Amino acid sequence: MKSLERLVLTHLKGITGPLLDPLQFAYRANRSVDDAVNMGLHYILQHLDSPGTYARMLFVDFSSAFNTIIPEVLLTKLTQLTVPASTCQWITNFLIDRRQQVRLGETTSSTRSVSTGAPQGCVLSPLLFSLYTNDCTSGDPSVKLLKFADDTSVIGLIRDDDESAYRREVEQLVLWCGRNNLELNTLKTVEMTVDFRRSPPALPPLIIHNTTVLAVESFRFLGSTISRNLKWEPNINTIIKKAQQRLYFLRQLRKYNLPQDLLTLFFTAVIESVLCTSITVWFGSATKLDKNRLQRTVRSAVKIIGANLPTIQDLYTSRVRKRAGKITADPSHPGHKLFKLLPSGRRYRSLLAKTSRLKNSFFPLAVSLLNK
């Protein structure tokens, strides 16, 4: 069945790819969680480069998102995305009248028929959810709605204390959820404000379904801990702790005289992969102290293995160049327009940045590295 699903998946991507919301980053070629976070941060940092501005970020949580898809509603959306009627019929048949039962120990329940939602663990389910939510977008340029499957964030770029557009788009999102059978979990939905004004006033709370949305100091979004001051120490602390725990296993392997090349391979797969988790998002804005702490972990591994290893700075530079190269080669990527060639056609135009926060973020640094 999964082999057949993969064939349908390829077929669906070919048809719907050009019509997908550019700010939907899940299950698409040349898109990643890093791209989603970097785009969101760029919108915020570029906006905060102007005086009298701040941003509000709403991190939306859906209750059992995949289980609430209504096949009839999905069918209408697929038809609007020019999916052939025969494919729509196959997908509808795939989703409805699924037989399931529950077993606990030696006791098995009676069989029930389910015709709502996309089955968990199936190849097609993530893409079907992305297509189901494809028409959930922002209608105002000052409000960005980022999506990575069911991880959704609404970013309000506020100027002159006018929050009307942001609140209107949040209301539209709530109404859209009601029309599409998606339940917004107000208890887990949180909001974070990024405001660097000298004397910011107390902001009115956001209320959804008569429930005040909880305001938080930081939030873990798509694997990266974002703080309201946009500093990365909490995120880096988590990464260093994980990497140091894995150094123990490297030491144990060294005790058993594992060959140097295998120790290096283990470091790359198990420790370096942790140190480089979403590194394009946070490393450029990390403090010198935090960068030294990260490099100290690499030096510990060098002593254990007895071989040279690439520095954190080198790993970051190579990953930024590689990511930037892929974005410049993909006109459909939402970050593509930020890489503009000068009339000479040899260099990219530097992004205007007044603050060090914006200068040290991914896109300005990526342009700078491509020009070297």
Foldseek 3Di string as FASTA:
>chain_A
DLVVVVVLVVVLCVQQVVVFDLLAQAPDPLGDLLLNLQVVVLLQQVLVLDPQKKKKKKWWDWDVLQQAFQLVLLLVLVVVSVDDPVSSVVVQVVQFQDWDWDDDDPDIDDIDTDRGGDDPPHPCSQVSQSSSCRPLAAPDPQWGWHHHRRTIMIMGIDGPLDCPSVLVSVVVNLVVCVVRRIHIDQVPIAMEMQDDDPDDDDDDFRADPNRTHHYDQWDQGSNAIAGSPRARVVRLVVLLVQLVVCVVVLLVVLVVVDALVVSVVCCVVRRVCSLCPSCLAHVLVYDPVSLVSSQVSVVSSCVSSVDDDDGPVVVNLVVLQVSLVSLCVDPSNPCNVLFDADPVNLATDADDGDDSSSCSHRSNVSSVSSRD
